[in-house]
Amino acid sequence: MAIRTGSLRTWQTSPNLSAVAVRKRPKGVISIASAETGAMIAYLSDRANAVTAVVILCSGAAMGLVARGHQEAGVALGLWAIIADDVDGEIARRTKNRTMATKAIGKALDAFSDLIFGSVIPAIVIASFIDLPASAVFTAFMILIGALRLAYFDYFGLDHRGYSTGLPLSYALPVLAAILIVDHTIALLELGVVLPAVFVPLSLLHIAPFKVKASGTLVHVITICVAVTGSAGLLITSRTGT
């Protein structure tokens, strides 16, 4: 064990703690801040984190599909990422004895996955229908709004009733799916105009100061039903149109 002693702080390293900061306080009170160490991949063995990894994989694959011009398939896969995201939160709440490090890493992974399916995928899909330079500006705008929304939620979270401030990012892909389905089945839309006209105000609702029910059995059921219906609808209508 190596110990470096200063006037107010003692640093210790040991086989069990990579870095332990011991701060001396008045009246002999000592606080210890420690960090768990281990292989990064090991944190995906946690069930909730493993499901979050599936969310990120689905979202990444969806981005790849959109990049190759398969917007409907990309949005459909992104909707399944939303379903998995809904499941991982429930698993995390029911799993006992999760370490602080596992929880913190899971929380960071979850926020990253939310940004991908809630902002990045909708942004690149919509940008594919808009000419430059407006597409670049619109993409940057949506990602900034999503990042701000998630940063705010990371600090304030849900209130005691299960309500969050602003519209959750998970609403974006279902709305996008609905517009694409209408375009395929009811009437051809000028998507380069309709999508920005819908998603600029929708994005502002993500950071608006009103409360939305974001937790509870009914919310989970509705989320899953809407995502499954939207995904199936997109795949069916896109095949019919080709």
C-alpha atoms as a PDB file:
ATOM      1  CA  MET A   1       0.000   0.000   0.000  1.00  0.00           C
ATOM      2  CA  ALA A   2       1.356   3.415  -0.984  1.00  0.00           C
ATOM      3  CA  ILE A   3       0.354   6.397   1.144  1.00  0.00           C
ATOM      4  CA  ARG A   4       0.957  10.031   0.371  1.00  0.00           C
ATOM      5  CA  THR A   5       0.138  12.328   3.230  1.00  0.00           C
ATOM      6  CA  GLY A   6      -0.745  15.977   2.820  1.00  0.00           C
ATOM      7  CA  SER A   7      -2.201  18.566   5.141  1.00  0.00           C
ATOM      8  CA  LEU A   8      -5.834  17.709   4.353  1.00  0.00           C
ATOM      9  CA  ARG A   9      -5.838  14.643   2.112  1.00  0.00           C
ATOM     10  CA  THR A  10      -4.332  11.161   2.156  1.00  0.00           C
ATOM     11  CA  TRP A  11      -4.156   9.119  -1.033  1.00  0.00           C
ATOM     12  CA  GLN A  12      -4.060   5.343  -0.758  1.00  0.00           C
ATOM     13  CA  THR A  13      -3.775   2.650  -3.407  1.00  0.00           C
ATOM     14  CA  SER A  14      -4.375  -1.007  -2.763  1.00  0.00           C
ATOM     15  CA  PRO A  15      -5.266  -4.163  -4.732  1.00  0.00           C
ATOM     16  CA  ASN A  16      -8.957  -3.577  -3.944  1.00  0.00           C
ATOM     17  CA  LEU A  17      -9.265   0.166  -4.551  1.00  0.00           C
ATOM     18  CA  SER A  18      -7.543   1.770  -7.505  1.00  0.00           C
ATOM     19  CA  ALA A  19      -7.826   5.223  -5.976  1.00  0.00           C
ATOM     20  CA  VAL A  20      -9.165   6.062  -2.547  1.00  0.00           C
ATOM     21  CA  ALA A  21      -9.319   9.649  -1.409  1.00  0.00           C
ATOM     22  CA  VAL A  22      -9.523  10.078   2.343  1.00  0.00           C
ATOM     23  CA  ARG A  23     -10.384  13.620   3.341  1.00  0.00           C
ATOM     24  CA  LYS A  24      -9.828  14.562   6.939  1.00  0.00           C
ATOM     25  CA  ARG A  25     -12.544  16.695   8.405  1.00  0.00           C
ATOM     26  CA  PRO A  26     -12.800  18.572  11.680  1.00  0.00           C
ATOM     27  CA  LYS A  27     -13.484  16.532  14.818  1.00  0.00           C
ATOM     28  CA  GLY A  28     -11.934  13.428  13.332  1.00  0.00           C
ATOM     29  CA  VAL A  29     -14.678  12.750  10.755  1.00  0.00           C
ATOM     30  CA  ILE A  30     -13.329  11.002   7.654  1.00  0.00           C
ATOM     31  CA  SER A  31     -15.143  10.502   4.313  1.00  0.00           C
ATOM     32  CA  ILE A  32     -13.961   8.005   1.706  1.00  0.00           C
ATOM     33  CA  ALA A  33     -14.677   8.284  -2.038  1.00  0.00           C
ATOM     34  CA  SER A  34     -13.883   5.030  -3.794  1.00  0.00           C
ATOM     35  CA  ALA A  35     -14.257   3.726  -7.319  1.00  0.00           C
ATOM     36  CA  GLU A  36     -14.927   0.148  -8.346  1.00  0.00           C
ATOM     37  CA  THR A  37     -12.648  -1.164 -11.004  1.00  0.00           C
ATOM     38  CA  GLY A  38     -12.872  -4.024 -13.450  1.00  0.00           C
ATOM     39  CA  ALA A  39     -13.215  -4.860 -17.109  1.00  0.00           C
ATOM     40  CA  MET A  40     -15.649  -2.517 -18.836  1.00  0.00           C
ATOM     41  CA  ILE A  41     -17.422  -5.341 -20.634  1.00  0.00           C
ATOM     42  CA  ALA A  42     -18.213  -6.964 -17.287  1.00  0.00           C
ATOM     43  CA  TYR A  43     -20.796  -4.287 -16.545  1.00  0.00           C
ATOM     44  CA  LEU A  44     -22.908  -5.609 -19.405  1.00  0.00           C
ATOM     45  CA  SER A  45     -23.423  -8.826 -17.448  1.00  0.00           C
ATOM     46  CA  ASP A  46     -25.958  -6.879 -15.402  1.00  0.00           C
ATOM     47  CA  ARG A  47     -29.366  -7.725 -16.889  1.00  0.00           C
ATOM     48  CA  ALA A  48     -30.585  -4.147 -17.187  1.00  0.00           C
ATOM     49  CA  ASN A  49     -27.317  -2.985 -18.749  1.00  0.00           C
ATOM     50  CA  ALA A  50     -27.387  -5.933 -21.159  1.00  0.00           C
ATOM     51  CA  VAL A  51     -30.831  -4.868 -22.382  1.00  0.00           C
ATOM     52  CA  THR A  52     -29.601  -1.285 -22.730  1.00  0.00           C
ATOM     53  CA  ALA A  53     -26.783  -2.649 -24.885  1.00  0.00           C
ATOM     54  CA  VAL A  54     -29.445  -4.239 -27.102  1.00  0.00           C
ATOM     55  CA  VAL A  55     -31.121  -0.826 -27.349  1.00  0.00           C
ATOM     56  CA  ILE A  56     -27.863   0.727 -28.554  1.00  0.00           C
ATOM     57  CA  LEU A  57     -27.253  -2.115 -31.017  1.00  0.00           C
ATOM     58  CA  CYS A  58     -30.757  -1.745 -32.479  1.00  0.00           C
ATOM     59  CA  SER A  59     -30.333   2.019 -32.701  1.00  0.00           C
ATOM     60  CA  GLY A  60     -26.931   1.692 -34.360  1.00  0.00           C
ATOM     61  CA  ALA A  61     -28.289  -0.783 -36.899  1.00  0.00           C
ATOM     62  CA  ALA A  62     -31.221   1.561 -37.526  1.00  0.00           C
ATOM     63  CA  MET A  63     -28.800   4.399 -38.276  1.00  0.00           C
ATOM     64  CA  GLY A  64     -26.979   2.148 -40.723  1.00  0.00           C
ATOM     65  CA  LEU A  65     -30.236   1.335 -42.512  1.00  0.00           C
ATOM     66  CA  VAL A  66     -31.166   5.004 -42.775  1.00  0.00           C
ATOM     67  CA  ALA A  67     -27.701   5.849 -44.091  1.00  0.00           C
ATOM     68  CA  ARG A  68     -28.264   3.335 -46.908  1.00  0.00           C
ATOM     69  CA  GLY A  69     -31.605   4.875 -47.818  1.00  0.00           C
ATOM     70  CA  HIS A  70     -33.895   2.444 -45.957  1.00  0.00           C
ATOM     71  CA  GLN A  71     -35.707   5.030 -43.848  1.00  0.00           C
ATOM     72  CA  GLU A  72     -38.786   2.926 -43.101  1.00  0.00           C
ATOM     73  CA  ALA A  73     -36.768  -0.100 -41.977  1.00  0.00           C
ATOM     74  CA  GLY A  74     -34.526   2.136 -39.871  1.00  0.00           C
ATOM     75  CA  VAL A  75     -37.467   3.753 -38.091  1.00  0.00           C
ATOM     76  CA  ALA A  76     -39.106   0.338 -37.589  1.00  0.00           C
ATOM     77  CA  LEU A  77     -35.950  -1.005 -35.925  1.00  0.00           C
ATOM     78  CA  GLY A  78     -35.655   2.167 -33.869  1.00  0.00           C
ATOM     79  CA  LEU A  79     -39.152   1.523 -32.506  1.00  0.00           C
ATOM     80  CA  TRP A  80     -37.960  -1.848 -31.224  1.00  0.00           C
ATOM     81  CA  ALA A  81     -35.124  -0.007 -29.489  1.00  0.00           C
ATOM     82  CA  ILE A  82     -37.796   2.003 -27.657  1.00  0.00           C
ATOM     83  CA  ILE A  83     -39.467  -1.242 -26.548  1.00  0.00           C
ATOM     84  CA  ALA A  84     -36.170  -2.592 -25.232  1.00  0.00           C
ATOM     85  CA  ASP A  85     -35.496   0.721 -23.486  1.00  0.00           C
ATOM     86  CA  ASP A  86     -38.864   0.485 -21.747  1.00  0.00           C
ATOM     87  CA  VAL A  87     -38.003  -3.037 -20.589  1.00  0.00           C
ATOM     88  CA  ASP A  88     -34.537  -2.216 -19.267  1.00  0.00           C
ATOM     89  CA  GLY A  89     -35.899   0.432 -16.923  1.00  0.00           C
ATOM     90  CA  GLU A  90     -38.304  -2.059 -15.384  1.00  0.00           C
ATOM     91  CA  ILE A  91     -35.547  -4.653 -15.007  1.00  0.00           C
ATOM     92  CA  ALA A  92     -33.288  -2.088 -13.323  1.00  0.00           C
ATOM     93  CA  ARG A  93     -36.010  -1.179 -10.827  1.00  0.00           C
ATOM     94  CA  ARG A  94     -36.618  -4.825  -9.918  1.00  0.00           C
ATOM     95  CA  THR A  95     -32.982  -5.933  -9.715  1.00  0.00           C
ATOM     96  CA  LYS A  96     -31.613  -5.858  -6.186  1.00  0.00           C
ATOM     97  CA  ASN A  97     -28.041  -5.519  -4.945  1.00  0.00           C
ATOM     98  CA  ARG A  98     -26.762  -3.619  -7.983  1.00  0.00           C
ATOM     99  CA  THR A  99     -23.491  -1.868  -7.179  1.00  0.00           C
ATOM    100  CA  MET A 100     -23.140   1.890  -7.400  1.00  0.00           C
ATOM    101  CA  ALA A 101     -20.794   1.530 -10.366  1.00  0.00           C
ATOM    102  CA  THR A 102     -23.231  -0.753 -12.197  1.00  0.00           C
ATOM    103  CA  LYS A 103     -26.059   1.725 -11.639  1.00  0.00           C
ATOM    104  CA  ALA A 104     -23.967   4.708 -12.745  1.00  0.00           C
ATOM    105  CA  ILE A 105     -22.730   3.000 -15.904  1.00  0.00           C
ATOM    106  CA  GLY A 106     -26.237   1.775 -16.678  1.00  0.00           C
ATOM    107  CA  LYS A 107     -27.600   5.286 -16.261  1.00  0.00           C
ATOM    108  CA  ALA A 108     -24.994   6.696 -18.643  1.00  0.00           C
ATOM    109  CA  LEU A 109     -25.666   3.977 -21.217  1.00  0.00           C
ATOM    110  CA  ASP A 110     -29.402   4.594 -20.962  1.00  0.00           C
ATOM    111  CA  ALA A 111     -29.013   8.332 -21.562  1.00  0.00           C
ATOM    112  CA  PHE A 112     -26.807   7.656 -24.581  1.00  0.00           C
ATOM    113  CA  SER A 113     -29.331   5.203 -26.023  1.00  0.00           C
ATOM    114  CA  ASP A 114     -32.159   7.706 -25.481  1.00  0.00           C
ATOM    115  CA  LEU A 115     -30.240  10.343 -27.419  1.00  0.00           C
ATOM    116  CA  ILE A 116     -29.719   7.973 -30.355  1.00  0.00           C
ATOM    117  CA  PHE A 117     -33.287   6.745 -30.831  1.00  0.00           C
ATOM    118  CA  GLY A 118     -34.920   9.928 -29.583  1.00  0.00           C
ATOM    119  CA  SER A 119     -32.902  12.521 -31.503  1.00  0.00           C
ATOM    120  CA  VAL A 120     -30.224  11.126 -33.813  1.00  0.00           C
ATOM    121  CA  ILE A 121     -32.353   8.644 -35.776  1.00  0.00           C
ATOM    122  CA  PRO A 122     -35.283  11.062 -36.302  1.00  0.00           C
ATOM    123  CA  ALA A 123     -32.841  13.828 -37.223  1.00  0.00           C
ATOM    124  CA  ILE A 124     -31.003  11.861 -39.916  1.00  0.00           C
ATOM    125  CA  VAL A 125     -34.241  10.445 -41.337  1.00  0.00           C
ATOM    126  CA  ILE A 126     -35.781  13.905 -41.629  1.00  0.00           C
ATOM    127  CA  ALA A 127     -32.530  15.395 -42.943  1.00  0.00           C
ATOM    128  CA  SER A 128     -32.601  12.867 -45.799  1.00  0.00           C
ATOM    129  CA  PHE A 129     -35.734  14.620 -47.102  1.00  0.00           C
ATOM    130  CA  ILE A 130     -34.373  18.177 -46.752  1.00  0.00           C
ATOM    131  CA  ASP A 131     -31.877  19.948 -48.990  1.00  0.00           C
ATOM    132  CA  LEU A 132     -28.607  21.405 -47.725  1.00  0.00           C
ATOM    133  CA  PRO A 133     -27.845  23.546 -45.778  1.00  0.00           C
ATOM    134  CA  ALA A 134     -31.194  23.323 -43.990  1.00  0.00           C
ATOM    135  CA  SER A 135     -30.702  19.590 -43.327  1.00  0.00           C
ATOM    136  CA  ALA A 136     -27.454  20.212 -41.444  1.00  0.00           C
ATOM    137  CA  VAL A 137     -29.010  22.981 -39.348  1.00  0.00           C
ATOM    138  CA  PHE A 138     -32.082  20.880 -38.572  1.00  0.00           C
ATOM    139  CA  THR A 139     -29.994  17.853 -37.530  1.00  0.00           C
ATOM    140  CA  ALA A 140     -27.854  19.975 -35.207  1.00  0.00           C
ATOM    141  CA  PHE A 141     -30.979  21.573 -33.731  1.00  0.00           C
ATOM    142  CA  MET A 142     -32.660  18.238 -32.936  1.00  0.00           C
ATOM    143  CA  ILE A 143     -29.553  16.729 -31.358  1.00  0.00           C
ATOM    144  CA  LEU A 144     -28.988  19.828 -29.210  1.00  0.00           C
ATOM    145  CA  ILE A 145     -32.593  19.723 -27.991  1.00  0.00           C
ATOM    146  CA  GLY A 146     -32.282  16.009 -27.201  1.00  0.00           C
ATOM    147  CA  ALA A 147     -29.022  16.483 -25.302  1.00  0.00           C
ATOM    148  CA  LEU A 148     -30.487  19.359 -23.280  1.00  0.00           C
ATOM    149  CA  ARG A 149     -33.602  17.360 -22.462  1.00  0.00           C
ATOM    150  CA  LEU A 150     -31.553  14.364 -21.273  1.00  0.00           C
ATOM    151  CA  ALA A 151     -29.163  16.509 -19.233  1.00  0.00           C
ATOM    152  CA  TYR A 152     -32.130  18.122 -17.484  1.00  0.00           C
ATOM    153  CA  PHE A 153     -33.771  14.759 -16.856  1.00  0.00           C
ATOM    154  CA  ASP A 154     -30.503  13.291 -15.567  1.00  0.00           C
ATOM    155  CA  TYR A 155     -30.464  15.935 -12.825  1.00  0.00           C
ATOM    156  CA  PHE A 156     -34.148  16.328 -11.973  1.00  0.00           C
ATOM    157  CA  GLY A 157     -35.589  12.924 -13.002  1.00  0.00           C
ATOM    158  CA  LEU A 158     -39.240  12.077 -12.357  1.00  0.00           C
ATOM    159  CA  ASP A 159     -41.265  13.651  -9.609  1.00  0.00           C
ATOM    160  CA  HIS A 160     -42.959  11.609  -6.867  1.00  0.00           C
ATOM    161  CA  ARG A 161     -45.985  10.998  -9.128  1.00  0.00           C
ATOM    162  CA  GLY A 162     -43.931   9.592 -12.008  1.00  0.00           C
ATOM    163  CA  TYR A 163     -44.183  12.760 -14.132  1.00  0.00           C
ATOM    164  CA  SER A 164     -41.342  14.277 -16.131  1.00  0.00           C
ATOM    165  CA  THR A 165     -40.897  17.831 -17.397  1.00  0.00           C
ATOM    166  CA  GLY A 166     -41.394  18.137 -21.139  1.00  0.00           C
ATOM    167  CA  LEU A 167     -42.375  15.562 -23.732  1.00  0.00           C
ATOM    168  CA  PRO A 168     -40.187  12.407 -23.537  1.00  0.00           C
ATOM    169  CA  LEU A 169     -37.858  11.813 -26.491  1.00  0.00           C
ATOM    170  CA  SER A 170     -39.492   8.426 -27.059  1.00  0.00           C
ATOM    171  CA  TYR A 171     -42.451  10.237 -28.696  1.00  0.00           C
ATOM    172  CA  ALA A 172     -40.395  11.315 -31.717  1.00  0.00           C
ATOM    173  CA  LEU A 173     -40.039   8.004 -33.569  1.00  0.00           C
ATOM    174  CA  PRO A 174     -43.728   6.993 -33.256  1.00  0.00           C
ATOM    175  CA  VAL A 175     -44.739  10.392 -34.663  1.00  0.00           C
ATOM    176  CA  LEU A 176     -42.250   9.980 -37.497  1.00  0.00           C
ATOM    177  CA  ALA A 177     -43.543   6.462 -38.185  1.00  0.00           C
ATOM    178  CA  ALA A 178     -47.136   7.726 -38.311  1.00  0.00           C
ATOM    179  CA  ILE A 179     -46.229  10.416 -40.875  1.00  0.00           C
ATOM    180  CA  LEU A 180     -44.393   7.907 -43.074  1.00  0.00           C
ATOM    181  CA  ILE A 181     -47.336   5.490 -42.907  1.00  0.00           C
ATOM    182  CA  VAL A 182     -49.745   8.253 -43.922  1.00  0.00           C
ATOM    183  CA  ASP A 183     -47.415   9.127 -46.807  1.00  0.00           C
ATOM    184  CA  HIS A 184     -47.485   5.496 -48.003  1.00  0.00           C
ATOM    185  CA  THR A 185     -51.160   4.722 -47.525  1.00  0.00           C
ATOM    186  CA  ILE A 186     -53.398   7.815 -47.489  1.00  0.00           C
ATOM    187  CA  ALA A 187     -51.788  10.665 -49.395  1.00  0.00           C
ATOM    188  CA  LEU A 188     -48.369  11.500 -50.746  1.00  0.00           C
ATOM    189  CA  LEU A 189     -46.850  14.179 -48.551  1.00  0.00           C
ATOM    190  CA  GLU A 190     -44.196  16.745 -49.273  1.00  0.00           C
ATOM    191  CA  LEU A 191     -41.979  15.266 -46.552  1.00  0.00           C
ATOM    192  CA  GLY A 192     -39.328  17.946 -46.946  1.00  0.00           C
ATOM    193  CA  VAL A 193     -41.924  20.449 -45.747  1.00  0.00           C
ATOM    194  CA  VAL A 194     -44.194  18.369 -43.504  1.00  0.00           C
ATOM    195  CA  LEU A 195     -41.492  16.782 -41.362  1.00  0.00           C
ATOM    196  CA  PRO A 196     -39.744  20.030 -40.313  1.00  0.00           C
ATOM    197  CA  ALA A 197     -43.146  21.682 -39.774  1.00  0.00           C
ATOM    198  CA  VAL A 198     -44.057  18.899 -37.334  1.00  0.00           C
ATOM    199  CA  PHE A 199     -40.722  18.269 -35.648  1.00  0.00           C
ATOM    200  CA  VAL A 200     -39.616  21.835 -34.914  1.00  0.00           C
ATOM    201  CA  PRO A 201     -42.541  22.411 -32.520  1.00  0.00           C
ATOM    202  CA  LEU A 202     -42.342  18.793 -31.326  1.00  0.00           C
ATOM    203  CA  SER A 203     -38.689  19.307 -30.422  1.00  0.00           C
ATOM    204  CA  LEU A 204     -39.563  22.432 -28.459  1.00  0.00           C
ATOM    205  CA  LEU A 205     -42.149  20.417 -26.530  1.00  0.00           C
ATOM    206  CA  HIS A 206     -39.297  18.179 -25.319  1.00  0.00           C
ATOM    207  CA  ILE A 207     -37.941  21.109 -23.293  1.00  0.00           C
ATOM    208  CA  ALA A 208     -41.240  22.841 -22.521  1.00  0.00           C
ATOM    209  CA  PRO A 209     -42.120  23.428 -18.822  1.00  0.00           C
ATOM    210  CA  PHE A 210     -45.132  21.130 -18.521  1.00  0.00           C
ATOM    211  CA  LYS A 211     -45.528  17.740 -16.865  1.00  0.00           C
ATOM    212  CA  VAL A 212     -46.131  14.422 -18.667  1.00  0.00           C
ATOM    213  CA  LYS A 213     -46.838  11.041 -17.100  1.00  0.00           C
ATOM    214  CA  ALA A 214     -43.721   9.025 -17.907  1.00  0.00           C
ATOM    215  CA  SER A 215     -43.945   6.009 -15.613  1.00  0.00           C
ATOM    216  CA  GLY A 216     -46.484   3.375 -14.662  1.00  0.00           C
ATOM    217  CA  THR A 217     -48.051   0.211 -16.079  1.00  0.00           C
ATOM    218  CA  LEU A 218     -50.405   2.021 -18.458  1.00  0.00           C
ATOM    219  CA  VAL A 219     -47.558   4.099 -19.883  1.00  0.00           C
ATOM    220  CA  HIS A 220     -45.478   0.956 -20.494  1.00  0.00           C
ATOM    221  CA  VAL A 221     -48.366  -0.856 -22.198  1.00  0.00           C
ATOM    222  CA  ILE A 222     -49.159   2.096 -24.453  1.00  0.00           C
ATOM    223  CA  THR A 223     -45.469   2.551 -25.349  1.00  0.00           C
ATOM    224  CA  ILE A 224     -45.051  -1.081 -26.357  1.00  0.00           C
ATOM    225  CA  CYS A 225     -48.337  -1.227 -28.296  1.00  0.00           C
ATOM    226  CA  VAL A 226     -47.600   1.970 -30.220  1.00  0.00           C
ATOM    227  CA  ALA A 227     -44.046   0.858 -31.047  1.00  0.00           C
ATOM    228  CA  VAL A 228     -45.109  -2.607 -32.235  1.00  0.00           C
ATOM    229  CA  THR A 229     -47.990  -1.199 -34.294  1.00  0.00           C
ATOM    230  CA  GLY A 230     -45.820   1.498 -35.852  1.00  0.00           C
ATOM    231  CA  SER A 231     -43.039  -0.937 -36.687  1.00  0.00           C
ATOM    232  CA  ALA A 232     -45.396  -3.451 -38.296  1.00  0.00           C
ATOM    233  CA  GLY A 233     -47.231  -0.708 -40.153  1.00  0.00           C
ATOM    234  CA  LEU A 234     -44.015   0.686 -41.605  1.00  0.00           C
ATOM    235  CA  LEU A 235     -42.762  -2.684 -42.782  1.00  0.00           C
ATOM    236  CA  ILE A 236     -46.107  -3.631 -44.342  1.00  0.00           C
ATOM    237  CA  THR A 237     -46.689  -0.323 -46.123  1.00  0.00           C
ATOM    238  CA  SER A 238     -43.109  -0.038 -47.348  1.00  0.00           C
ATOM    239  CA  ARG A 239     -43.321  -3.506 -48.925  1.00  0.00           C
ATOM    240  CA  THR A 240     -46.679  -2.681 -50.464  1.00  0.00           C
ATOM    241  CA  GLY A 241     -45.282   0.477 -51.980  1.00  0.00           C
ATOM    242  CA  THR A 242     -42.338  -1.318 -53.621  1.00  0.00           C
END
